[in-house]
Amino acid sequence: MMVMKFITHFLAQIGPQSEYTWTRLIYSTLKAPTYHLYFELLLIIGIIWLLFKRSYRINDVINLSVEEKNQLISEWKPDSLVPKDWEPSKYLLKQFHRCAYGPLGKYVNFNLEVEEFEATEMNVSKNHLNFATLNFLNFVGDSDLSNVATEQMKKYGVGSCGPRGFYGTFDVHLELENKLAEFLGVEKAVIYSYGAATFSSAIPSYSKRTDVIFADERISHATYLGLVASRSHVRFFRHNDMEHLEQLLIAQAKKDKEDPKRALLTRRFFVVEGIYFNSGEICPLSELIALKYKYKVRILLDETISFGVLGKTGRGVTEYFGVNIEDIDLISGKLMLLFHISSFV
């Protein structure tokens, strides 16, 4: 009774218009309906429970012996990706009656278009010469390479993680790098696991925000992504137009004279391709090298298509033009297109 009288006297003293924040808060809380107080109390308890609740129970771990684990592994049978009793529908055959059938090697087989599409019959045409893929060297159809690849997979295994930072570096990685460097006559070679990221990651590794890149307007999409990632100042010249390129170089030289301090921090790069993916034309490498030494520019060359194709021994566009490979500052290539393996820089 004494407590209730004290609270009543306290509320009468502070009143609803008290200037103190805490007292007004206490006043409004005590004057609230009882159900509202219970609701807020349950809400606070729920928040505290969510904060300290574990997403899983640590004690729910079943400890199995080695024999039990081996038994579970031996008894496990994966489901087939395609059921044995599956048959393609007539609708699918009508939609995809020109699909390739078999390996996409030098020759490709296609399903013939016939009047009746029976689900259990595959009418296969004769061989067609394959102009649709980049299998210029016919490595896909080489049985010896397939056998070697199978043996290496049995020895080293395969996994979902291709980069060496995850999967690790093996002796064959280092051996391939040494043989690539020896074959090209360069100081060092580095192989990549993902071809699309090779040149696009090599460009920003050298060219920075203060640098200038002169790139051909017909470069591939992967190369363009490298230009964007570098955040450099990019100047595009017309496809294989060396006169237009020199005009851009002259304009850049004038800017450098206007701000010599900035020019000391600015590096210049040519970004070109041996054989352009978007046009199939060969870059005029000899003229590019002449402009390189005249205007002090570095050359970044992508030989994705030209490596293994151009030159007397397949060393690429440098051998094709008979120039010194040391005149090129960086050479990149996607081996996954022609050789169907990784890439190199």
Protein backbone atom coordinates (compact mmCIF):
# COMPACT_ATOMS: atom_id res chain seq x y z
CA MET A 1 0.00 0.00 0.00
CA MET A 2 2.84 2.35 0.83
CA VAL A 3 4.46 1.66 -2.55
CA MET A 4 1.26 2.40 -4.44
CA LYS A 5 0.79 5.66 -2.53
CA PHE A 6 4.38 6.65 -3.35
CA ILE A 7 3.90 5.96 -7.07
CA THR A 8 0.61 7.87 -7.10
CA HIS A 9 2.21 10.82 -5.33
CA PHE A 10 5.20 10.69 -7.75
CA LEU A 11 2.97 10.74 -10.81
CA ALA A 12 0.96 13.61 -9.40
CA GLN A 13 4.14 15.61 -8.83
CA ILE A 14 5.74 15.16 -12.28
CA GLY A 15 2.50 15.36 -14.29
CA PRO A 16 2.17 14.69 -17.99
CA GLN A 17 3.99 17.91 -19.01
CA SER A 18 7.24 17.34 -17.11
CA GLU A 19 10.29 18.86 -18.73
CA TYR A 20 12.49 15.87 -17.87
CA THR A 21 12.70 13.23 -20.60
CA TRP A 22 13.17 10.21 -18.38
CA THR A 23 10.40 11.19 -16.04
CA ARG A 24 8.02 11.73 -18.93
CA LEU A 25 9.00 8.31 -20.29
CA ILE A 26 8.28 6.65 -16.94
CA TYR A 27 5.03 8.52 -16.67
CA SER A 28 3.83 7.46 -20.13
CA THR A 29 4.91 3.86 -19.52
CA LEU A 30 3.04 3.52 -16.24
CA LYS A 31 -0.04 5.15 -17.69
CA ALA A 32 -0.11 2.75 -20.69
CA PRO A 33 -2.67 -0.09 -20.76
CA THR A 34 -1.62 -3.36 -19.17
CA TYR A 35 -1.85 -5.37 -22.40
CA HIS A 36 0.52 -2.90 -24.08
CA LEU A 37 3.12 -3.41 -21.35
CA TYR A 38 2.89 -7.19 -21.70
CA PHE A 39 3.28 -6.92 -25.48
CA GLU A 40 6.43 -4.80 -25.22
CA LEU A 41 7.85 -7.15 -22.60
CA LEU A 42 7.32 -10.16 -24.86
CA LEU A 43 8.87 -8.25 -27.76
CA ILE A 44 12.00 -7.48 -25.74
CA ILE A 45 12.29 -11.11 -24.62
CA GLY A 46 11.94 -12.28 -28.24
CA ILE A 47 14.71 -9.96 -29.44
CA ILE A 48 17.06 -11.15 -26.69
CA TRP A 49 16.27 -14.78 -27.57
CA LEU A 50 17.06 -14.21 -31.25
CA LEU A 51 20.35 -12.51 -30.42
CA PHE A 52 21.64 -15.37 -28.30
CA LYS A 53 20.05 -18.28 -30.19
CA ARG A 54 22.46 -20.50 -32.16
CA SER A 55 21.64 -21.29 -35.76
CA TYR A 56 22.35 -24.96 -35.08
CA ARG A 57 22.96 -27.25 -32.17
CA ILE A 58 26.58 -28.17 -31.69
CA ASN A 59 25.69 -31.29 -29.68
CA ASP A 60 23.70 -32.81 -32.57
CA VAL A 61 26.85 -34.30 -34.13
CA ILE A 62 26.79 -38.04 -34.71
CA ASN A 63 30.20 -39.60 -34.16
CA LEU A 64 30.74 -42.45 -36.61
CA SER A 65 33.52 -44.95 -36.57
CA VAL A 66 35.80 -45.49 -39.54
CA GLU A 67 34.00 -48.75 -40.40
CA GLU A 68 30.61 -47.02 -40.34
CA LYS A 69 31.86 -44.22 -42.58
CA ASN A 70 33.31 -46.68 -45.09
CA GLN A 71 30.07 -48.64 -45.08
CA LEU A 72 28.00 -45.53 -45.81
CA ILE A 73 30.35 -44.58 -48.64
CA SER A 74 30.25 -48.06 -50.18
CA GLU A 75 26.45 -48.21 -49.96
CA TRP A 76 25.92 -44.80 -51.54
CA LYS A 77 24.86 -44.91 -55.19
CA PRO A 78 24.42 -41.64 -57.08
CA ASP A 79 21.33 -41.13 -59.19
CA SER A 80 21.81 -41.09 -62.93
CA LEU A 81 21.84 -37.65 -64.51
CA VAL A 82 19.65 -38.97 -67.29
CA PRO A 83 17.24 -41.82 -66.47
CA LYS A 84 17.76 -44.95 -68.53
CA ASP A 85 14.13 -44.99 -69.62
CA TRP A 86 14.19 -41.33 -70.75
CA GLU A 87 13.26 -40.66 -74.36
CA PRO A 88 13.26 -37.26 -76.06
CA SER A 89 9.86 -35.97 -76.97
CA LYS A 90 8.78 -35.29 -80.52
CA TYR A 91 8.53 -31.62 -79.66
CA LEU A 92 12.20 -31.51 -78.64
CA LEU A 93 13.25 -33.28 -81.81
CA LYS A 94 11.30 -30.78 -83.88
CA GLN A 95 12.90 -27.87 -82.06
CA PHE A 96 16.47 -29.22 -82.08
CA HIS A 97 16.60 -31.49 -85.09
CA ARG A 98 19.82 -29.80 -86.25
CA CYS A 99 21.75 -30.37 -83.03
CA ALA A 100 25.30 -31.67 -83.26
CA TYR A 101 25.66 -35.34 -82.48
CA GLY A 102 28.95 -36.67 -81.10
CA PRO A 103 32.25 -34.87 -80.42
CA LEU A 104 32.82 -31.45 -82.01
CA GLY A 105 36.08 -32.31 -83.75
CA LYS A 106 37.24 -31.66 -87.28
CA TYR A 107 33.98 -33.12 -88.53
CA VAL A 108 30.56 -32.72 -86.94
CA ASN A 109 27.46 -34.87 -87.26
CA PHE A 110 23.99 -33.33 -87.29
CA ASN A 111 20.56 -34.87 -86.97
CA LEU A 112 18.84 -34.81 -90.33
CA GLU A 113 15.48 -33.15 -90.77
CA VAL A 114 13.02 -35.92 -91.66
CA GLU A 115 9.28 -35.98 -92.09
CA GLU A 116 8.57 -38.05 -88.99
CA PHE A 117 10.36 -37.49 -85.69
CA GLU A 118 10.33 -40.74 -83.76
CA ALA A 119 11.61 -40.51 -80.20
CA THR A 120 13.53 -43.77 -80.45
CA GLU A 121 15.29 -43.11 -83.75
CA MET A 122 18.24 -40.83 -84.47
CA ASN A 123 18.80 -40.20 -88.14
CA VAL A 124 22.41 -39.02 -88.31
CA SER A 125 23.86 -37.31 -91.34
CA LYS A 126 27.30 -37.77 -92.85
CA ASN A 127 30.29 -35.84 -91.59
CA HIS A 128 30.30 -32.08 -92.04
CA LEU A 129 33.51 -30.05 -91.99
CA ASN A 130 33.56 -27.96 -88.81
CA PHE A 131 34.00 -24.22 -89.40
CA ALA A 132 32.07 -23.21 -86.26
CA THR A 133 34.69 -23.83 -83.57
CA LEU A 134 38.32 -22.80 -83.03
CA ASN A 135 39.65 -26.34 -83.29
CA PHE A 136 42.19 -25.36 -85.95
CA LEU A 137 44.76 -27.92 -84.81
CA ASN A 138 42.20 -30.72 -84.38
CA PHE A 139 43.23 -31.42 -80.82
CA VAL A 140 39.65 -32.37 -79.94
CA GLY A 141 39.68 -35.28 -82.35
CA ASP A 142 43.18 -36.51 -81.44
CA SER A 143 42.84 -39.87 -79.68
CA ASP A 144 46.43 -39.79 -78.37
CA LEU A 145 45.81 -36.51 -76.55
CA SER A 146 42.55 -37.85 -75.13
CA ASN A 147 44.35 -40.90 -73.76
CA VAL A 148 47.09 -38.77 -72.20
CA ALA A 149 44.50 -36.45 -70.63
CA THR A 150 42.66 -39.44 -69.18
CA GLU A 151 45.84 -40.83 -67.65
CA GLN A 152 46.74 -37.46 -66.13
CA MET A 153 43.28 -37.12 -64.59
CA LYS A 154 43.70 -40.53 -62.99
CA LYS A 155 47.07 -39.46 -61.59
CA TYR A 156 46.32 -35.91 -60.42
CA GLY A 157 42.54 -35.95 -60.13
CA VAL A 158 40.10 -33.18 -60.96
CA GLY A 159 38.06 -30.76 -58.89
CA SER A 160 35.71 -27.81 -59.04
CA CYS A 161 38.50 -25.35 -58.13
CA GLY A 162 40.80 -24.70 -61.06
CA PRO A 163 43.01 -21.80 -59.81
CA ARG A 164 46.30 -22.90 -58.33
CA GLY A 165 45.64 -20.77 -55.27
CA PHE A 166 42.88 -23.22 -54.37
CA TYR A 167 43.87 -26.45 -56.09
CA GLY A 168 47.63 -26.12 -55.60
CA THR A 169 50.69 -26.10 -57.87
CA PHE A 170 51.93 -29.40 -59.27
CA ASP A 171 55.04 -30.42 -61.14
CA VAL A 172 53.19 -30.44 -64.46
CA HIS A 173 52.24 -26.76 -63.99
CA LEU A 174 55.86 -25.72 -63.59
CA GLU A 175 56.96 -28.01 -66.41
CA LEU A 176 54.43 -26.47 -68.79
CA GLU A 177 55.51 -22.94 -67.84
CA ASN A 178 59.17 -23.77 -68.47
CA LYS A 179 58.44 -25.39 -71.82
CA LEU A 180 56.28 -22.46 -72.92
CA ALA A 181 59.02 -19.99 -72.02
CA GLU A 182 61.61 -22.12 -73.81
CA PHE A 183 59.42 -22.51 -76.90
CA LEU A 184 58.72 -18.79 -77.18
CA GLY A 185 62.23 -17.73 -76.24
CA VAL A 186 61.16 -15.52 -73.34
CA GLU A 187 62.38 -15.16 -69.78
CA LYS A 188 59.32 -16.54 -68.00
CA ALA A 189 55.79 -17.81 -68.63
CA VAL A 190 52.85 -18.07 -66.24
CA ILE A 191 49.81 -20.26 -66.89
CA TYR A 192 46.28 -19.31 -65.89
CA SER A 193 43.36 -21.62 -65.20
CA TYR A 194 40.66 -19.41 -66.75
CA GLY A 195 41.28 -18.09 -70.23
CA ALA A 196 38.81 -15.21 -70.17
CA ALA A 197 40.52 -13.71 -67.11
CA THR A 198 44.07 -13.99 -68.46
CA PHE A 199 44.57 -10.88 -70.59
CA SER A 200 41.81 -8.96 -68.79
CA SER A 201 43.72 -9.35 -65.50
CA ALA A 202 47.18 -8.84 -67.00
CA ILE A 203 46.31 -5.40 -68.39
CA PRO A 204 45.37 -3.78 -65.05
CA SER A 205 48.42 -5.41 -63.46
CA TYR A 206 50.63 -3.11 -65.56
CA SER A 207 48.51 -0.14 -66.58
CA LYS A 208 47.19 2.08 -63.79
CA ARG A 209 44.87 5.06 -63.48
CA THR A 210 47.46 7.65 -64.53
CA ASP A 211 48.55 5.69 -67.63
CA VAL A 212 47.32 5.91 -71.22
CA ILE A 213 46.30 2.93 -73.36
CA PHE A 214 46.04 3.04 -77.15
CA ALA A 215 43.79 0.15 -78.17
CA ASP A 216 42.44 -1.09 -81.47
CA GLU A 217 38.70 -0.54 -81.82
CA ARG A 218 38.14 -4.20 -82.80
CA ILE A 219 39.55 -5.81 -79.68
CA SER A 220 37.67 -8.71 -78.12
CA HIS A 221 35.26 -8.38 -75.22
CA ALA A 222 37.66 -9.99 -72.74
CA THR A 223 40.37 -7.48 -73.69
CA TYR A 224 37.91 -4.62 -73.32
CA LEU A 225 37.10 -5.75 -69.78
CA GLY A 226 40.80 -5.50 -68.99
CA LEU A 227 40.82 -1.90 -70.20
CA VAL A 228 37.87 -1.08 -67.97
CA ALA A 229 39.48 -2.77 -64.96
CA SER A 230 42.72 -0.81 -65.41
CA ARG A 231 40.88 2.55 -65.05
CA SER A 232 43.46 4.01 -67.42
CA HIS A 233 42.85 6.68 -70.04
CA VAL A 234 41.94 4.69 -73.16
CA ARG A 235 42.31 6.03 -76.70
CA PHE A 236 40.83 3.85 -79.44
CA PHE A 237 42.31 4.00 -82.92
CA ARG A 238 40.67 2.75 -86.09
CA HIS A 239 41.16 -0.91 -86.86
CA ASN A 240 44.75 -1.51 -88.03
CA ASP A 241 45.02 2.18 -89.00
CA MET A 242 48.57 3.16 -88.09
CA GLU A 243 48.15 6.72 -89.38
CA HIS A 244 45.27 7.32 -86.99
CA LEU A 245 47.29 5.76 -84.19
CA GLU A 246 50.22 8.08 -84.83
CA GLN A 247 47.87 11.08 -84.78
CA LEU A 248 46.74 10.05 -81.31
CA LEU A 249 50.36 9.62 -80.23
CA ILE A 250 51.25 13.10 -81.48
CA ALA A 251 48.30 14.57 -79.58
CA GLN A 252 49.41 12.76 -76.43
CA ALA A 253 52.96 14.06 -76.88
CA LYS A 254 51.63 17.64 -76.96
CA LYS A 255 49.76 17.04 -73.69
CA ASP A 256 52.93 15.68 -72.13
CA LYS A 257 54.84 18.86 -73.08
CA GLU A 258 52.15 21.01 -71.47
CA ASP A 259 52.43 19.11 -68.17
CA PRO A 260 55.93 17.58 -67.94
CA LYS A 261 55.55 16.58 -64.27
CA ARG A 262 52.49 14.50 -65.02
CA ALA A 263 54.18 13.08 -68.12
CA LEU A 264 56.93 11.60 -65.95
CA LEU A 265 54.30 9.52 -64.12
CA THR A 266 52.39 8.51 -67.25
CA ARG A 267 53.15 5.28 -69.06
CA ARG A 268 51.82 4.47 -72.52
CA PHE A 269 50.65 1.09 -73.80
CA PHE A 270 49.54 -0.47 -77.07
CA VAL A 271 46.86 -3.13 -76.58
CA VAL A 272 46.50 -5.22 -79.74
CA GLU A 273 45.76 -8.78 -80.82
CA GLY A 274 47.84 -10.99 -83.12
CA ILE A 275 44.73 -12.09 -85.00
CA TYR A 276 41.71 -10.04 -84.05
CA PHE A 277 38.88 -12.12 -82.69
CA ASN A 278 36.27 -9.74 -84.13
CA SER A 279 37.71 -9.37 -87.62
CA GLY A 280 40.13 -12.23 -88.31
CA GLU A 281 42.77 -9.76 -89.54
CA ILE A 282 46.43 -9.77 -88.50
CA CYS A 283 47.81 -6.75 -86.68
CA PRO A 284 50.64 -4.81 -88.41
CA LEU A 285 53.17 -5.72 -85.75
CA SER A 286 56.24 -4.34 -87.54
CA GLU A 287 54.68 -0.87 -87.75
CA LEU A 288 53.58 -1.04 -84.12
CA ILE A 289 57.13 -1.81 -83.02
CA ALA A 290 58.43 1.17 -85.01
CA LEU A 291 55.89 3.45 -83.29
CA LYS A 292 56.77 1.91 -79.95
CA TYR A 293 60.39 3.04 -80.05
CA LYS A 294 59.53 6.38 -81.65
CA TYR A 295 57.02 7.42 -78.96
CA LYS A 296 58.26 5.24 -76.06
CA VAL A 297 55.25 2.96 -75.73
CA ARG A 298 54.97 -0.58 -74.35
CA ILE A 299 53.18 -3.30 -76.34
CA LEU A 300 50.70 -5.70 -74.74
CA LEU A 301 49.89 -8.41 -77.29
CA ASP A 302 47.13 -11.01 -77.14
CA GLU A 303 47.92 -14.10 -79.23
CA THR A 304 44.83 -16.12 -78.40
CA ILE A 305 44.18 -17.12 -82.02
CA SER A 306 47.59 -16.52 -83.60
CA PHE A 307 49.59 -18.71 -81.21
CA GLY A 308 50.00 -22.16 -82.72
CA VAL A 309 48.65 -20.95 -86.08
CA LEU A 310 50.89 -18.18 -87.43
CA GLY A 311 54.59 -18.55 -88.06
CA LYS A 312 56.69 -21.34 -89.49
CA THR A 313 56.69 -23.25 -86.21
CA GLY A 314 53.49 -21.81 -84.73
CA ARG A 315 55.16 -19.31 -82.42
CA GLY A 316 52.66 -16.65 -83.36
CA VAL A 317 52.63 -13.24 -84.96
CA THR A 318 56.20 -12.39 -83.91
CA GLU A 319 57.54 -15.32 -85.92
CA TYR A 320 55.14 -14.52 -88.76
CA PHE A 321 56.65 -11.03 -89.18
CA GLY A 322 60.17 -12.14 -88.28
CA VAL A 323 60.55 -9.64 -85.44
CA ASN A 324 62.39 -10.07 -82.17
CA ILE A 325 60.00 -11.31 -79.49
CA GLU A 326 61.83 -9.15 -76.93
CA ASP A 327 60.34 -6.11 -78.66
CA ILE A 328 56.99 -7.16 -77.16
CA ASP A 329 56.63 -6.30 -73.49
CA LEU A 330 53.88 -8.80 -72.68
CA ILE A 331 52.35 -11.67 -74.66
CA SER A 332 49.16 -13.40 -73.61
CA GLY A 333 47.21 -16.28 -75.08
CA LYS A 334 44.20 -18.45 -74.33
CA LEU A 335 45.29 -22.03 -74.82
CA MET A 336 41.73 -23.10 -74.05
CA LEU A 337 40.59 -22.14 -77.56
CA LEU A 338 43.19 -23.83 -79.76
CA PHE A 339 44.74 -26.33 -77.37
CA HIS A 340 41.69 -26.73 -75.09
CA ILE A 341 43.70 -26.28 -71.90
CA SER A 342 44.56 -23.26 -69.72
CA SER A 343 46.10 -19.91 -70.75
CA PHE A 344 49.48 -18.22 -70.41
CA VAL A 345 51.12 -14.83 -70.01
